[in-house]
Protein backbone atom coordinates (compact mmCIF):
# COMPACT_ATOMS: atom_id res chain seq x y z
CA UNK A 1 21.51 -7.18 43.41
CA UNK A 2 25.30 -7.06 43.38
CA UNK A 3 25.35 -6.23 39.67
CA UNK A 4 22.75 -3.50 40.14
CA UNK A 5 24.77 -2.00 42.99
CA UNK A 6 27.90 -1.91 40.84
CA UNK A 7 26.10 -0.19 37.98
CA UNK A 8 24.54 2.38 40.33
CA UNK A 9 27.85 3.06 42.06
CA UNK A 10 29.63 3.51 38.74
CA UNK A 11 26.91 5.88 37.55
CA UNK A 12 27.21 8.05 40.67
CA UNK A 13 31.01 8.17 40.44
CA UNK A 14 30.89 9.08 36.75
CA UNK A 15 28.55 11.95 37.58
CA UNK A 16 31.10 13.41 40.01
CA UNK A 17 34.50 12.41 38.58
CA UNK A 18 36.44 14.97 40.63
CA UNK A 19 35.39 13.06 43.75
CA UNK A 20 35.64 9.55 42.39
CA UNK A 21 38.54 9.63 39.91
CA UNK A 22 40.88 7.42 41.98
CA UNK A 23 38.07 4.91 42.44
CA UNK A 24 37.11 5.07 38.76
CA UNK A 25 40.72 4.52 37.75
CA UNK A 26 41.04 1.55 40.10
CA UNK A 27 37.77 0.16 38.75
CA UNK A 28 39.04 0.35 35.18
CA UNK A 29 42.25 -1.39 36.13
CA UNK A 30 40.31 -4.25 37.74
CA UNK A 31 39.24 -5.28 34.24
CA UNK A 32 42.78 -5.47 32.90
CA UNK A 33 45.47 -8.15 33.25
CA UNK A 34 48.85 -7.61 31.66
CA UNK A 35 51.15 -10.37 32.86
CA UNK A 36 54.94 -10.52 32.49
CA UNK A 37 55.79 -12.51 29.37
CA UNK A 38 58.72 -14.57 28.18
CA UNK A 39 59.62 -16.27 24.89
CA UNK A 40 56.88 -18.76 24.03
CA UNK A 41 56.07 -21.46 21.50
CA UNK A 42 53.26 -19.41 20.00
CA UNK A 43 51.20 -16.24 20.32
CA UNK A 44 47.42 -16.74 20.31
CA UNK A 45 45.06 -13.89 19.48
CA UNK A 46 41.57 -13.70 20.98
CA UNK A 47 38.97 -13.17 18.20
CA UNK A 48 37.34 -10.16 19.85
CA UNK A 49 40.67 -8.34 20.10
CA UNK A 50 40.30 -7.69 16.36
CA UNK A 51 42.88 -5.54 14.62
CA UNK A 52 44.29 -4.38 17.96
CA UNK A 53 45.14 -7.99 18.74
CA UNK A 54 46.85 -8.41 15.37
CA UNK A 55 48.93 -5.28 16.00
CA UNK A 56 49.95 -6.51 19.45
CA UNK A 57 50.83 -9.97 18.16
CA UNK A 58 52.96 -8.49 15.38
CA UNK A 59 54.81 -6.34 17.93
CA UNK A 60 55.49 -9.45 20.00
CA UNK A 61 56.75 -11.40 16.98
CA UNK A 62 59.07 -8.58 15.96
CA UNK A 63 60.17 -8.34 19.60
CA UNK A 64 61.33 -11.96 19.56
CA UNK A 65 58.67 -13.44 21.86
CA UNK A 66 57.59 -16.08 19.29
CA UNK A 67 57.72 -16.70 15.56
CA UNK A 68 54.26 -18.22 15.13
CA UNK A 69 50.81 -16.76 15.69
CA UNK A 70 47.50 -18.60 16.02
CA UNK A 71 44.02 -17.22 15.38
CA UNK A 72 40.67 -18.78 16.17
CA UNK A 73 38.27 -19.62 13.38
CA UNK A 74 35.04 -17.66 13.55
CA UNK A 75 31.95 -19.81 12.91
CA UNK A 76 29.42 -17.99 10.68
CA UNK A 77 26.10 -17.04 12.22
CA UNK A 78 23.13 -14.78 11.56
CA UNK A 79 23.68 -12.56 8.56
CA UNK A 80 26.93 -14.41 7.75
CA UNK A 81 24.96 -17.52 6.90
CA UNK A 82 22.68 -15.51 4.64
CA UNK A 83 25.67 -14.09 2.73
CA UNK A 84 26.96 -17.64 2.29
CA UNK A 85 23.51 -18.88 1.18
CA UNK A 86 23.43 -16.21 -1.51
CA UNK A 87 26.86 -17.26 -2.76
CA UNK A 88 28.52 -14.03 -1.63
CA UNK A 89 32.02 -13.75 -0.15
CA UNK A 90 32.26 -14.26 3.60
CA UNK A 91 35.40 -13.23 5.48
CA UNK A 92 35.51 -14.36 9.08
CA UNK A 93 37.51 -12.71 11.86
CA UNK A 94 40.31 -15.22 11.43
CA UNK A 95 40.75 -14.37 7.75
CA UNK A 96 40.75 -10.66 8.58
CA UNK A 97 43.34 -11.07 11.33
CA UNK A 98 45.53 -13.23 9.07
CA UNK A 99 45.38 -10.54 6.37
CA UNK A 100 46.27 -7.85 8.91
CA UNK A 101 49.16 -9.93 10.27
CA UNK A 102 50.46 -10.33 6.72
CA UNK A 103 50.44 -6.55 6.26
CA UNK A 104 52.45 -6.34 9.50
CA UNK A 105 55.08 -8.81 8.29
CA UNK A 106 53.85 -11.93 10.10
CA UNK A 107 53.42 -14.90 7.76
CA UNK A 108 53.68 -17.97 10.04
CA UNK A 109 50.03 -18.08 11.12
CA UNK A 110 47.89 -21.10 11.99
CA UNK A 111 44.18 -21.50 12.69
CA UNK A 112 42.63 -23.02 15.81
CA UNK A 113 39.29 -24.61 14.86
CA UNK A 114 36.36 -23.36 16.90
CA UNK A 115 32.68 -24.22 16.70
CA UNK A 116 31.38 -21.96 19.47
CA UNK A 117 31.54 -18.20 19.88
CA UNK A 118 32.55 -16.39 23.08
CA UNK A 119 35.48 -16.49 25.47
CA UNK A 120 34.32 -19.80 26.95
CA UNK A 121 34.39 -21.37 23.49
CA UNK A 122 37.89 -20.19 22.62
CA UNK A 123 39.42 -21.14 25.97
CA UNK A 124 37.81 -24.58 25.89
CA UNK A 125 39.31 -25.43 22.50
CA UNK A 126 42.73 -23.99 23.36
CA UNK A 127 43.69 -26.66 25.91
CA UNK A 128 43.13 -29.74 23.69
CA UNK A 129 44.65 -27.93 20.70
CA UNK A 130 47.81 -27.17 22.69
CA UNK A 131 47.95 -30.79 23.85
CA UNK A 132 47.64 -32.07 20.27
CA UNK A 133 50.29 -29.65 18.98
CA UNK A 134 52.65 -30.21 21.94
CA UNK A 135 52.53 -26.50 22.75
CA UNK A 136 54.20 -25.86 26.08
CA UNK A 137 53.91 -22.08 26.36
CA UNK A 138 51.50 -19.49 24.96
CA UNK A 139 51.22 -15.73 25.06
CA UNK A 140 47.49 -15.06 24.83
CA UNK A 141 46.62 -11.61 23.48
CA UNK A 142 43.23 -10.57 24.87
CA UNK A 143 41.01 -7.54 24.42
CA UNK A 144 42.08 -5.07 27.09
CA UNK A 145 38.65 -4.50 28.64
CA UNK A 146 38.09 -8.12 29.56
CA UNK A 147 41.59 -9.53 29.87
CA UNK A 148 40.96 -10.13 33.60
CA UNK A 149 37.91 -12.22 32.81
CA UNK A 150 39.67 -14.25 30.13
CA UNK A 151 42.50 -14.90 32.60
CA UNK A 152 39.97 -16.43 34.99
CA UNK A 153 38.38 -18.52 32.23
CA UNK A 154 41.78 -19.78 31.09
CA UNK A 155 42.67 -20.67 34.69
CA UNK A 156 39.70 -23.01 34.72
CA UNK A 157 40.01 -24.49 31.25
CA UNK A 158 43.79 -24.96 31.27
CA UNK A 159 43.82 -26.64 34.68
CA UNK A 160 45.46 -30.05 34.47
CA UNK A 161 47.16 -29.26 31.15
CA UNK A 162 50.90 -28.79 30.78
CA UNK A 163 50.73 -25.61 28.71
CA UNK A 164 51.68 -22.36 30.42
CA UNK A 165 49.53 -19.43 29.30
CA UNK A 166 50.63 -15.82 29.78
CA UNK A 167 47.88 -13.25 29.20
CA UNK A 168 48.72 -9.88 27.70
CA UNK A 169 46.15 -7.15 27.12
CA UNK A 170 46.35 -5.55 23.68
CA UNK A 171 47.35 -1.90 23.80
CA UNK A 172 45.71 -0.41 20.74
CA UNK A 173 41.98 -0.46 21.53
CA UNK A 174 39.94 2.56 22.52
CA UNK A 175 39.38 1.37 26.09
CA UNK A 176 41.59 3.28 28.53
CA UNK A 177 41.31 1.94 32.10
CA UNK A 178 42.60 5.26 33.45
CA UNK A 179 40.11 7.48 31.60
CA UNK A 180 37.19 5.23 30.61
CA UNK A 181 34.54 7.44 32.23
CA UNK A 182 35.27 10.32 29.84
CA UNK A 183 33.45 8.79 26.86
CA UNK A 184 30.08 7.13 26.44
CA UNK A 185 31.71 4.15 24.80
CA UNK A 186 34.13 3.77 27.67
CA UNK A 187 31.36 3.98 30.26
CA UNK A 188 29.25 1.42 28.41
CA UNK A 189 32.19 -0.98 28.02
CA UNK A 190 33.28 -0.66 31.65
CA UNK A 191 29.81 -1.26 33.09
CA UNK A 192 29.12 -4.25 30.83
CA UNK A 193 32.50 -5.83 31.55
CA UNK A 194 32.22 -5.20 35.29
CA UNK A 195 28.88 -6.99 35.29
CA UNK A 196 30.39 -9.95 33.44
CA UNK A 197 33.44 -10.06 35.71
CA UNK A 198 31.35 -9.97 38.88
CA UNK A 199 29.09 -12.72 37.52
CA UNK A 200 32.14 -14.84 36.73
CA UNK A 201 33.44 -14.33 40.28
CA UNK A 202 30.06 -15.26 41.74
CA UNK A 203 29.77 -18.41 39.60
CA UNK A 204 33.45 -19.40 39.91
CA UNK A 205 34.82 -17.89 43.13
CA UNK A 206 37.99 -20.00 43.14
CA UNK A 207 39.22 -19.31 39.56
């Protein structure tokens, strides 16, 4: 019922933006976390941040935040497996991000093995990987529209580990928290991510 109420409220506000613009803007910003950052051992890019994440990571490297970048491997599924079965080339998200980072002048890139898709999968493998690599500090570049949710997930999965994780939302995606209601894509993204964020709060109220 809570999720339905949020969707209905967002729909009404979108229909009359002149009345609800401050609320819509605040709603968009709820989805976004952009924490203060400091020099770190490594920059880690969330898979679903795509090319925007690679751009942000490159900016951070050139800004002196870290010299190394890590990307998550992307396990093949669905049509990917069929391409592989037919002996055709398969380029996962990690390979694409590594190629993009190379274009941007970043060559010190490592892979974090991952066997499960989704933000839960990536955050769960990050903690033991950091432990094994003696990583003490990480700047985690997340997709802007669900950086708040990934912050909550990381709070849970990094609890009890020594690594400090600073979350930064990438800045090059099409999602604008201050104007999301002006496009169909923005409306769809905001509603979906609000539903996911509320569900995460309901299931994990103390994250």
